[in-house]
Amino acid sequence: MAKVAFIGLGVMGFPMAGHLKEKGGHDVTVYNRTAAKAEEWTKKHGGRSAATPAEAARDADFVFTCVGNDDDLRSVTLGDTGAIAGMKAGAILIDNTTASAEVARELADAAKAKGIDFIDAPVSGGQAGAENGVLTVMCGGDQGVFDRAKPVIEAYARMVGLMGPVGAGQLTKMINQICIAGLVQGLAEGIHFGKKAGLDIEKVVDVISKGAAGSWQMENRHKTMNQGKYDFGFAVDWMRKDLGIVLAEARRNGAKLPVTALVDQFYGDVQSMGGNRWDTSSLLARLEK
């Protein structure tokens, strides 16, 4: 059992922190900017809530953050009330936010100045993966730090991998989002084409999902897409945030991402249709409007 702090109790962080308490058996203190959410968590799981990130992080062996974006991350980690200010030397700050590689390196430097270790550890698997404790976690950091953190992270994960130095976890998550964007657009176009051709989409997917076209997206999203239901999983607003990070990094490293850039524009069209909170499979709705 370790002393753990978890900062950020959104749709991902709430169940992740719960697994650290229930499955991991750790002593967990939570912080959330909306205090009512932290109170809800402690009523469900026990543990304690804190008034600031620094207070939550005090004396913790491992401090987890899972917030919205780079600026949110800076607000809960830096400054007098940020997590780093409250952490003890030798503790590990583990960031599960999908953020830029740049902010990961920035936080690693701020942590190092206080004798604190850092791992960027964005996750994939969506809300269902978080709730079921089966997320994929892509880590960036030193091998020794990763080896200490991995047994704790495994409370909410089915796969935890060290991808390279600090920032490599975020870069790997960017690749994850690049691949998802292309897959979902392809699936949306396939379903749209099938409908226009008068085919039974269920029969089509039952066959092609067993071959080279099969994917997690096809298996888990084709039925709801075919029904025009888009309230299952990762929201368009968040995907656009992630793709914005991807495209900014591509401008820095010179990568050519024409399909990703195009799908990002398509998600912008979905937002214009009022689909900000629809899930990412709503690319089909754009084709059917």
C-alpha atoms as a PDB file:
ATOM      1  CA  MET A   1       0.000   0.000   0.000  1.00  0.00           C
ATOM      2  CA  ALA A   2       1.234   3.483  -0.890  1.00  0.00           C
ATOM      3  CA  LYS A   3       0.082   6.984  -0.060  1.00  0.00           C
ATOM      4  CA  VAL A   4      -1.491   8.305  -3.256  1.00  0.00           C
ATOM      5  CA  ALA A   5      -3.008  11.629  -4.326  1.00  0.00           C
ATOM      6  CA  PHE A   6      -5.305  11.896  -7.336  1.00  0.00           C
ATOM      7  CA  ILE A   7      -6.029  15.312  -8.829  1.00  0.00           C
ATOM      8  CA  GLY A   8      -8.867  15.624 -11.334  1.00  0.00           C
ATOM      9  CA  LEU A   9     -12.052  13.589 -10.962  1.00  0.00           C
ATOM     10  CA  GLY A  10     -13.670  13.842 -14.382  1.00  0.00           C
ATOM     11  CA  VAL A  11     -15.202  10.964 -16.322  1.00  0.00           C
ATOM     12  CA  MET A  12     -11.762   9.315 -16.471  1.00  0.00           C
ATOM     13  CA  GLY A  13     -10.168  10.359 -13.204  1.00  0.00           C
ATOM     14  CA  PHE A  14     -13.104   9.480 -10.957  1.00  0.00           C
ATOM     15  CA  PRO A  15     -13.033   5.733 -11.711  1.00  0.00           C
ATOM     16  CA  MET A  16      -9.239   5.640 -12.041  1.00  0.00           C
ATOM     17  CA  ALA A  17      -8.852   7.016  -8.528  1.00  0.00           C
ATOM     18  CA  GLY A  18     -11.446   4.491  -7.396  1.00  0.00           C
ATOM     19  CA  HIS A  19      -9.387   1.598  -8.729  1.00  0.00           C
ATOM     20  CA  LEU A  20      -6.300   2.894  -6.921  1.00  0.00           C
ATOM     21  CA  LYS A  21      -8.294   2.763  -3.683  1.00  0.00           C
ATOM     22  CA  GLU A  22     -10.347  -0.408  -4.185  1.00  0.00           C
ATOM     23  CA  LYS A  23      -8.190  -2.632  -6.392  1.00  0.00           C
ATOM     24  CA  GLY A  24      -4.785  -1.224  -5.506  1.00  0.00           C
ATOM     25  CA  GLY A  25      -5.568  -0.943  -1.799  1.00  0.00           C
ATOM     26  CA  HIS A  26      -3.790   2.407  -1.582  1.00  0.00           C
ATOM     27  CA  ASP A  27      -4.396   5.260   0.838  1.00  0.00           C
ATOM     28  CA  VAL A  28      -5.919   7.824  -1.549  1.00  0.00           C
ATOM     29  CA  THR A  29      -6.498  11.545  -1.105  1.00  0.00           C
ATOM     30  CA  VAL A  30      -8.342  13.351  -3.914  1.00  0.00           C
ATOM     31  CA  TYR A  31      -8.667  16.895  -5.167  1.00  0.00           C
ATOM     32  CA  ASN A  32     -11.081  18.299  -7.725  1.00  0.00           C
ATOM     33  CA  ARG A  33     -11.710  21.908  -8.689  1.00  0.00           C
ATOM     34  CA  THR A  34     -15.422  21.296  -8.126  1.00  0.00           C
ATOM     35  CA  ALA A  35     -15.353  20.211  -4.499  1.00  0.00           C
ATOM     36  CA  ALA A  36     -18.726  18.452  -4.732  1.00  0.00           C
ATOM     37  CA  LYS A  37     -17.162  15.871  -7.053  1.00  0.00           C
ATOM     38  CA  ALA A  38     -14.458  15.123  -4.499  1.00  0.00           C
ATOM     39  CA  GLU A  39     -17.116  14.737  -1.809  1.00  0.00           C
ATOM     40  CA  GLU A  40     -19.034  12.347  -4.061  1.00  0.00           C
ATOM     41  CA  TRP A  41     -15.859  10.297  -4.562  1.00  0.00           C
ATOM     42  CA  THR A  42     -15.074  10.027  -0.851  1.00  0.00           C
ATOM     43  CA  LYS A  43     -18.651   8.982  -0.088  1.00  0.00           C
ATOM     44  CA  LYS A  44     -18.330   6.187  -2.622  1.00  0.00           C
ATOM     45  CA  HIS A  45     -14.770   5.039  -1.959  1.00  0.00           C
ATOM     46  CA  GLY A  46     -13.684   6.437   1.405  1.00  0.00           C
ATOM     47  CA  GLY A  47     -10.316   8.126   1.550  1.00  0.00           C
ATOM     48  CA  ARG A  48      -9.994  11.869   1.962  1.00  0.00           C
ATOM     49  CA  SER A  49     -10.430  15.033  -0.066  1.00  0.00           C
ATOM     50  CA  ALA A  50      -8.206  18.099   0.078  1.00  0.00           C
ATOM     51  CA  ALA A  51      -8.790  21.817  -0.454  1.00  0.00           C
ATOM     52  CA  THR A  52      -5.815  22.329  -2.804  1.00  0.00           C
ATOM     53  CA  PRO A  53      -3.590  20.152  -4.994  1.00  0.00           C
ATOM     54  CA  ALA A  54      -0.629  20.931  -2.712  1.00  0.00           C
ATOM     55  CA  GLU A  55      -2.567  19.694   0.312  1.00  0.00           C
ATOM     56  CA  ALA A  56      -3.617  16.522  -1.494  1.00  0.00           C
ATOM     57  CA  ALA A  57      -0.017  15.835  -2.541  1.00  0.00           C
ATOM     58  CA  ARG A  58       1.545  16.368   0.879  1.00  0.00           C
ATOM     59  CA  ASP A  59       3.455  13.248   2.028  1.00  0.00           C
ATOM     60  CA  ALA A  60       2.151  11.219  -0.946  1.00  0.00           C
ATOM     61  CA  ASP A  61       4.442   8.657  -2.561  1.00  0.00           C
ATOM     62  CA  PHE A  62       2.629   8.957  -5.907  1.00  0.00           C
ATOM     63  CA  VAL A  63       0.632  11.932  -7.196  1.00  0.00           C
ATOM     64  CA  PHE A  64      -1.634  11.443 -10.225  1.00  0.00           C
ATOM     65  CA  THR A  65      -3.108  14.223 -12.351  1.00  0.00           C
ATOM     66  CA  CYS A  66      -5.866  13.814 -14.941  1.00  0.00           C
ATOM     67  CA  VAL A  67      -7.263  17.126 -16.177  1.00  0.00           C
ATOM     68  CA  GLY A  68      -8.293  18.751 -19.453  1.00  0.00           C
ATOM     69  CA  ASN A  69      -5.349  20.400 -21.193  1.00  0.00           C
ATOM     70  CA  ASP A  70      -1.917  21.987 -20.809  1.00  0.00           C
ATOM     71  CA  ASP A  71      -3.185  25.075 -18.990  1.00  0.00           C
ATOM     72  CA  ASP A  72      -5.355  23.028 -16.628  1.00  0.00           C
ATOM     73  CA  LEU A  73      -2.333  20.877 -15.904  1.00  0.00           C
ATOM     74  CA  ARG A  74      -0.130  23.850 -15.098  1.00  0.00           C
ATOM     75  CA  SER A  75      -2.828  25.260 -12.804  1.00  0.00           C
ATOM     76  CA  VAL A  76      -2.952  22.132 -10.621  1.00  0.00           C
ATOM     77  CA  THR A  77       0.776  21.371 -10.545  1.00  0.00           C
ATOM     78  CA  LEU A  78       2.640  24.702 -10.458  1.00  0.00           C
ATOM     79  CA  GLY A  79       2.528  27.650  -8.058  1.00  0.00           C
ATOM     80  CA  ASP A  80       2.107  27.831  -4.291  1.00  0.00           C
ATOM     81  CA  THR A  81      -1.040  25.682  -4.236  1.00  0.00           C
ATOM     82  CA  GLY A  82       0.035  23.297  -7.019  1.00  0.00           C
ATOM     83  CA  ALA A  83       0.834  19.657  -6.424  1.00  0.00           C
ATOM     84  CA  ILE A  84       4.592  20.041  -6.835  1.00  0.00           C
ATOM     85  CA  ALA A  85       4.706  22.563  -3.980  1.00  0.00           C
ATOM     86  CA  GLY A  86       3.250  19.969  -1.617  1.00  0.00           C
ATOM     87  CA  MET A  87       5.221  16.929  -2.768  1.00  0.00           C
ATOM     88  CA  LYS A  88       8.127  15.418  -0.886  1.00  0.00           C
ATOM     89  CA  ALA A  89      11.490  14.656  -2.442  1.00  0.00           C
ATOM     90  CA  GLY A  90      11.610  11.199  -3.992  1.00  0.00           C
ATOM     91  CA  ALA A  91       7.887  11.105  -4.756  1.00  0.00           C
ATOM     92  CA  ILE A  92       6.638  10.514  -8.311  1.00  0.00           C
ATOM     93  CA  LEU A  93       4.270  12.800 -10.228  1.00  0.00           C
ATOM     94  CA  ILE A  94       2.333  10.777 -12.827  1.00  0.00           C
ATOM     95  CA  ASP A  95       0.323  12.755 -15.364  1.00  0.00           C
ATOM     96  CA  ASN A  96      -2.544  10.937 -17.096  1.00  0.00           C
ATOM     97  CA  THR A  97      -3.726  14.033 -18.989  1.00  0.00           C
ATOM     98  CA  THR A  98      -3.574  13.964 -22.777  1.00  0.00           C
ATOM     99  CA  ALA A  99      -1.373  17.015 -23.207  1.00  0.00           C
ATOM    100  CA  SER A 100       1.609  18.232 -25.207  1.00  0.00           C
ATOM    101  CA  ALA A 101       5.075  16.735 -24.990  1.00  0.00           C
ATOM    102  CA  GLU A 102       6.261  20.278 -24.335  1.00  0.00           C
ATOM    103  CA  VAL A 103       4.295  20.637 -21.077  1.00  0.00           C
ATOM    104  CA  ALA A 104       5.457  17.171 -19.995  1.00  0.00           C
ATOM    105  CA  ARG A 105       9.077  18.291 -20.265  1.00  0.00           C
ATOM    106  CA  GLU A 106       8.222  21.556 -18.496  1.00  0.00           C
ATOM    107  CA  LEU A 107       6.695  19.730 -15.542  1.00  0.00           C
ATOM    108  CA  ALA A 108       9.560  17.234 -15.439  1.00  0.00           C
ATOM    109  CA  ASP A 109      11.998  20.136 -15.051  1.00  0.00           C
ATOM    110  CA  ALA A 110       9.879  21.775 -12.337  1.00  0.00           C
ATOM    111  CA  ALA A 111       9.634  18.463 -10.480  1.00  0.00           C
ATOM    112  CA  LYS A 112      13.342  17.721 -10.814  1.00  0.00           C
ATOM    113  CA  ALA A 113      14.188  21.051  -9.199  1.00  0.00           C
ATOM    114  CA  LYS A 114      12.478  19.766  -6.047  1.00  0.00           C
ATOM    115  CA  GLY A 115      13.933  16.266  -6.180  1.00  0.00           C
ATOM    116  CA  ILE A 116      10.662  14.821  -7.527  1.00  0.00           C
ATOM    117  CA  ASP A 117      10.412  12.297 -10.366  1.00  0.00           C
ATOM    118  CA  PHE A 118       7.962  12.637 -13.251  1.00  0.00           C
ATOM    119  CA  ILE A 119       6.232  10.364 -15.748  1.00  0.00           C
ATOM    120  CA  ASP A 120       3.901  11.481 -18.526  1.00  0.00           C
ATOM    121  CA  ALA A 121       1.328   8.706 -18.772  1.00  0.00           C
ATOM    122  CA  PRO A 122      -1.612   9.511 -21.063  1.00  0.00           C
ATOM    123  CA  VAL A 123      -4.234   6.796 -21.356  1.00  0.00           C
ATOM    124  CA  SER A 124      -6.394   5.218 -24.048  1.00  0.00           C
ATOM    125  CA  GLY A 125      -9.557   3.187 -23.658  1.00  0.00           C
ATOM    126  CA  GLY A 126     -12.180   5.826 -22.988  1.00  0.00           C
ATOM    127  CA  GLN A 127     -14.669   6.094 -20.158  1.00  0.00           C
ATOM    128  CA  ALA A 128     -15.511   2.399 -20.322  1.00  0.00           C
ATOM    129  CA  GLY A 129     -11.831   1.498 -20.056  1.00  0.00           C
ATOM    130  CA  ALA A 130     -11.454   3.748 -17.036  1.00  0.00           C
ATOM    131  CA  GLU A 131     -14.542   2.336 -15.336  1.00  0.00           C
ATOM    132  CA  ASN A 132     -13.459  -1.255 -15.962  1.00  0.00           C
ATOM    133  CA  GLY A 133      -9.824  -0.651 -15.043  1.00  0.00           C
ATOM    134  CA  VAL A 134      -8.501  -1.788 -18.427  1.00  0.00           C
ATOM    135  CA  LEU A 135      -6.829   1.334 -19.828  1.00  0.00           C
ATOM    136  CA  THR A 136      -3.727   1.353 -21.984  1.00  0.00           C
ATOM    137  CA  VAL A 137      -1.091   3.651 -20.463  1.00  0.00           C
ATOM    138  CA  MET A 138       1.746   5.116 -22.545  1.00  0.00           C
ATOM    139  CA  CYS A 139       4.589   6.354 -20.356  1.00  0.00           C
ATOM    140  CA  GLY A 140       7.551   8.653 -20.794  1.00  0.00           C
ATOM    141  CA  GLY A 141      10.325   8.804 -18.202  1.00  0.00           C
ATOM    142  CA  ASP A 142      13.350   7.052 -16.745  1.00  0.00           C
ATOM    143  CA  GLN A 143      13.348   3.249 -16.480  1.00  0.00           C
ATOM    144  CA  GLY A 144      13.920   3.209 -12.718  1.00  0.00           C
ATOM    145  CA  VAL A 145      11.081   5.646 -12.065  1.00  0.00           C
ATOM    146  CA  PHE A 146       8.787   3.679 -14.373  1.00  0.00           C
ATOM    147  CA  ASP A 147       9.615   0.431 -12.566  1.00  0.00           C
ATOM    148  CA  ARG A 148       8.535   1.996  -9.259  1.00  0.00           C
ATOM    149  CA  ALA A 149       5.348   3.489 -10.700  1.00  0.00           C
ATOM    150  CA  LYS A 150       4.139   0.615 -12.880  1.00  0.00           C
ATOM    151  CA  PRO A 151       2.717  -1.605 -10.074  1.00  0.00           C
ATOM    152  CA  VAL A 152       0.631   1.344  -8.861  1.00  0.00           C
ATOM    153  CA  ILE A 153      -0.565   2.358 -12.340  1.00  0.00           C
ATOM    154  CA  GLU A 154      -1.630  -1.238 -13.013  1.00  0.00           C
ATOM    155  CA  ALA A 155      -4.597  -0.780 -10.662  1.00  0.00           C
ATOM    156  CA  TYR A 156      -6.480   0.893 -13.538  1.00  0.00           C
ATOM    157  CA  ALA A 157      -4.704  -0.560 -16.574  1.00  0.00           C
ATOM    158  CA  ARG A 158      -4.355  -3.714 -18.632  1.00  0.00           C
ATOM    159  CA  MET A 159      -1.289  -2.458 -20.509  1.00  0.00           C
ATOM    160  CA  VAL A 160       1.431  -0.150 -19.184  1.00  0.00           C
ATOM    161  CA  GLY A 161       4.439   0.528 -21.406  1.00  0.00           C
ATOM    162  CA  LEU A 162       7.515   2.756 -21.208  1.00  0.00           C
ATOM    163  CA  MET A 163       7.866   4.417 -24.606  1.00  0.00           C
ATOM    164  CA  GLY A 164      11.027   6.446 -24.002  1.00  0.00           C
ATOM    165  CA  PRO A 165      12.135   9.550 -22.079  1.00  0.00           C
ATOM    166  CA  VAL A 166       9.801  12.229 -20.739  1.00  0.00           C
ATOM    167  CA  GLY A 167       7.421  13.320 -23.508  1.00  0.00           C
ATOM    168  CA  ALA A 168       7.437   9.941 -25.270  1.00  0.00           C
ATOM    169  CA  GLY A 169       4.173   8.939 -23.623  1.00  0.00           C
ATOM    170  CA  GLN A 170       2.436  12.020 -25.006  1.00  0.00           C
ATOM    171  CA  LEU A 171       3.960  11.490 -28.446  1.00  0.00           C
ATOM    172  CA  THR A 172       2.697   7.894 -28.443  1.00  0.00           C
ATOM    173  CA  LYS A 173      -0.791   9.086 -27.479  1.00  0.00           C
ATOM    174  CA  MET A 174      -0.657  11.456 -30.451  1.00  0.00           C
ATOM    175  CA  ILE A 175      -0.039   8.467 -32.734  1.00  0.00           C
ATOM    176  CA  ASN A 176      -2.983   6.730 -31.076  1.00  0.00           C
ATOM    177  CA  GLN A 177      -5.254   9.669 -31.935  1.00  0.00           C
ATOM    178  CA  ILE A 178      -3.895   9.892 -35.506  1.00  0.00           C
ATOM    179  CA  CYS A 179      -4.804   6.239 -36.048  1.00  0.00           C
ATOM    180  CA  ILE A 180      -8.252   6.572 -34.458  1.00  0.00           C
ATOM    181  CA  ALA A 181      -9.137   9.614 -36.580  1.00  0.00           C
ATOM    182  CA  GLY A 182      -8.427   7.767 -39.818  1.00  0.00           C
ATOM    183  CA  LEU A 183     -10.181   4.590 -38.673  1.00  0.00           C
ATOM    184  CA  VAL A 184     -13.376   6.355 -37.629  1.00  0.00           C
ATOM    185  CA  GLN A 185     -13.565   8.342 -40.862  1.00  0.00           C
ATOM    186  CA  GLY A 186     -13.083   5.141 -42.858  1.00  0.00           C
ATOM    187  CA  LEU A 187     -15.784   3.368 -40.846  1.00  0.00           C
ATOM    188  CA  ALA A 188     -18.163   6.324 -41.256  1.00  0.00           C
ATOM    189  CA  GLU A 189     -17.656   6.339 -45.011  1.00  0.00           C
ATOM    190  CA  GLY A 190     -18.089   2.562 -45.200  1.00  0.00           C
ATOM    191  CA  ILE A 191     -21.391   2.617 -43.309  1.00  0.00           C
ATOM    192  CA  HIS A 192     -22.590   5.615 -45.336  1.00  0.00           C
ATOM    193  CA  PHE A 193     -21.709   3.848 -48.595  1.00  0.00           C
ATOM    194  CA  GLY A 194     -23.427   0.650 -47.435  1.00  0.00           C
ATOM    195  CA  LYS A 195     -26.625   2.477 -46.615  1.00  0.00           C
ATOM    196  CA  LYS A 196     -26.656   4.251 -49.976  1.00  0.00           C
ATOM    197  CA  ALA A 197     -26.095   0.871 -51.661  1.00  0.00           C
ATOM    198  CA  GLY A 198     -29.096  -0.599 -49.834  1.00  0.00           C
ATOM    199  CA  LEU A 199     -27.095  -3.195 -47.884  1.00  0.00           C
ATOM    200  CA  ASP A 200     -27.861  -4.553 -44.426  1.00  0.00           C
ATOM    201  CA  ILE A 201     -25.113  -2.912 -42.362  1.00  0.00           C
ATOM    202  CA  GLU A 202     -25.279  -5.536 -39.608  1.00  0.00           C
ATOM    203  CA  LYS A 203     -24.713  -8.337 -42.111  1.00  0.00           C
ATOM    204  CA  VAL A 204     -21.921  -6.414 -43.805  1.00  0.00           C
ATOM    205  CA  VAL A 205     -20.055  -5.713 -40.569  1.00  0.00           C
ATOM    206  CA  ASP A 206     -20.566  -9.286 -39.342  1.00  0.00           C
ATOM    207  CA  VAL A 207     -18.569 -10.447 -42.358  1.00  0.00           C
ATOM    208  CA  ILE A 208     -15.941  -7.753 -42.868  1.00  0.00           C
ATOM    209  CA  SER A 209     -15.133  -7.414 -39.153  1.00  0.00           C
ATOM    210  CA  LYS A 210     -13.668 -10.930 -39.303  1.00  0.00           C
ATOM    211  CA  GLY A 211     -11.181  -9.865 -41.975  1.00  0.00           C
ATOM    212  CA  ALA A 212      -8.553  -7.191 -42.533  1.00  0.00           C
ATOM    213  CA  ALA A 213     -11.071  -4.337 -42.128  1.00  0.00           C
ATOM    214  CA  GLY A 214     -11.866  -5.292 -38.538  1.00  0.00           C
ATOM    215  CA  SER A 215     -11.053  -2.854 -35.725  1.00  0.00           C
ATOM    216  CA  TRP A 216     -12.070  -1.897 -32.194  1.00  0.00           C
ATOM    217  CA  GLN A 217     -14.024   1.013 -33.646  1.00  0.00           C
ATOM    218  CA  MET A 218     -15.961  -1.269 -35.993  1.00  0.00           C
ATOM    219  CA  GLU A 219     -16.696  -3.809 -33.271  1.00  0.00           C
ATOM    220  CA  ASN A 220     -17.793  -1.281 -30.652  1.00  0.00           C
ATOM    221  CA  ARG A 221     -19.303   1.614 -32.622  1.00  0.00           C
ATOM    222  CA  HIS A 222     -20.920   0.328 -35.827  1.00  0.00           C
ATOM    223  CA  LYS A 223     -24.301  -0.461 -34.235  1.00  0.00           C
ATOM    224  CA  THR A 224     -24.761   2.927 -32.584  1.00  0.00           C
ATOM    225  CA  MET A 225     -23.484   4.698 -35.697  1.00  0.00           C
ATOM    226  CA  ASN A 226     -25.987   2.794 -37.828  1.00  0.00           C
ATOM    227  CA  GLN A 227     -28.722   3.900 -35.410  1.00  0.00           C
ATOM    228  CA  GLY A 228     -27.588   7.543 -35.486  1.00  0.00           C
ATOM    229  CA  LYS A 229     -26.744   7.516 -31.771  1.00  0.00           C
ATOM    230  CA  TYR A 230     -23.601   9.348 -30.721  1.00  0.00           C
ATOM    231  CA  ASP A 231     -23.595   9.401 -26.942  1.00  0.00           C
ATOM    232  CA  PHE A 232     -21.010   6.698 -26.324  1.00  0.00           C
ATOM    233  CA  GLY A 233     -17.515   7.656 -25.297  1.00  0.00           C
ATOM    234  CA  PHE A 234     -14.977  10.310 -26.200  1.00  0.00           C
ATOM    235  CA  ALA A 235     -16.457  13.703 -27.127  1.00  0.00           C
ATOM    236  CA  VAL A 236     -15.734  15.599 -30.339  1.00  0.00           C
ATOM    237  CA  ASP A 237     -14.528  18.651 -28.385  1.00  0.00           C
ATOM    238  CA  TRP A 238     -11.865  16.538 -26.711  1.00  0.00           C
ATOM    239  CA  MET A 239     -10.828  14.878 -29.962  1.00  0.00           C
ATOM    240  CA  ARG A 240     -10.347  18.272 -31.572  1.00  0.00           C
ATOM    241  CA  LYS A 241      -8.218  19.319 -28.590  1.00  0.00           C
ATOM    242  CA  ASP A 242      -6.088  16.221 -29.054  1.00  0.00           C
ATOM    243  CA  LEU A 243      -5.778  16.626 -32.814  1.00  0.00           C
ATOM    244  CA  GLY A 244      -4.779  20.251 -32.275  1.00  0.00           C
ATOM    245  CA  ILE A 245      -1.889  18.985 -30.125  1.00  0.00           C
ATOM    246  CA  VAL A 246      -0.997  16.435 -32.809  1.00  0.00           C
ATOM    247  CA  LEU A 247      -0.965  18.980 -35.638  1.00  0.00           C
ATOM    248  CA  ALA A 248       1.062  21.482 -33.590  1.00  0.00           C
ATOM    249  CA  GLU A 249       3.661  18.789 -32.893  1.00  0.00           C
ATOM    250  CA  ALA A 250       3.697  17.838 -36.577  1.00  0.00           C
ATOM    251  CA  ARG A 251       4.484  21.439 -37.493  1.00  0.00           C
ATOM    252  CA  ARG A 252       7.436  21.266 -35.094  1.00  0.00           C
ATOM    253  CA  ASN A 253       8.846  17.925 -36.237  1.00  0.00           C
ATOM    254  CA  GLY A 254       7.997  18.188 -39.944  1.00  0.00           C
ATOM    255  CA  ALA A 255       5.629  15.192 -40.102  1.00  0.00           C
ATOM    256  CA  LYS A 256       3.096  15.234 -42.947  1.00  0.00           C
ATOM    257  CA  LEU A 257      -0.422  14.410 -41.706  1.00  0.00           C
ATOM    258  CA  PRO A 258      -2.840  15.229 -44.538  1.00  0.00           C
ATOM    259  CA  VAL A 259      -5.569  12.762 -43.483  1.00  0.00           C
ATOM    260  CA  THR A 260      -5.394  13.810 -39.834  1.00  0.00           C
ATOM    261  CA  ALA A 261      -5.670  17.485 -40.790  1.00  0.00           C
ATOM    262  CA  LEU A 262      -8.672  16.730 -42.999  1.00  0.00           C
ATOM    263  CA  VAL A 263     -10.467  14.678 -40.331  1.00  0.00           C
ATOM    264  CA  ASP A 264      -9.833  17.488 -37.844  1.00  0.00           C
ATOM    265  CA  GLN A 265     -11.713  19.793 -40.227  1.00  0.00           C
ATOM    266  CA  PHE A 266     -14.507  17.233 -40.455  1.00  0.00           C
ATOM    267  CA  TYR A 267     -14.811  17.245 -36.657  1.00  0.00           C
ATOM    268  CA  GLY A 268     -15.043  21.033 -36.910  1.00  0.00           C
ATOM    269  CA  ASP A 269     -18.042  20.518 -39.193  1.00  0.00           C
ATOM    270  CA  VAL A 270     -19.600  18.227 -36.572  1.00  0.00           C
ATOM    271  CA  GLN A 271     -19.126  20.959 -33.966  1.00  0.00           C
ATOM    272  CA  SER A 272     -20.879  23.394 -36.299  1.00  0.00           C
ATOM    273  CA  MET A 273     -23.801  20.947 -36.391  1.00  0.00           C
ATOM    274  CA  GLY A 274     -24.059  21.189 -32.591  1.00  0.00           C
ATOM    275  CA  GLY A 275     -22.206  17.921 -32.013  1.00  0.00           C
ATOM    276  CA  ASN A 276     -19.586  19.190 -29.583  1.00  0.00           C
ATOM    277  CA  ARG A 277     -20.455  16.558 -27.009  1.00  0.00           C
ATOM    278  CA  TRP A 278     -21.290  13.779 -29.452  1.00  0.00           C
ATOM    279  CA  ASP A 279     -18.777  10.954 -29.468  1.00  0.00           C
ATOM    280  CA  THR A 280     -16.100  10.677 -32.135  1.00  0.00           C
ATOM    281  CA  SER A 281     -18.114   8.218 -34.262  1.00  0.00           C
ATOM    282  CA  SER A 282     -20.388  11.148 -35.181  1.00  0.00           C
ATOM    283  CA  LEU A 283     -18.326  11.690 -38.336  1.00  0.00           C
ATOM    284  CA  LEU A 284     -21.126   9.666 -39.950  1.00  0.00           C
ATOM    285  CA  ALA A 285     -23.660  12.362 -39.021  1.00  0.00           C
ATOM    286  CA  ARG A 286     -21.684  14.840 -41.119  1.00  0.00           C
ATOM    287  CA  LEU A 287     -21.970  12.560 -44.162  1.00  0.00           C
ATOM    288  CA  GLU A 288     -25.704  12.091 -43.647  1.00  0.00           C
ATOM    289  CA  LYS A 289     -26.710  15.703 -43.065  1.00  0.00           C
END
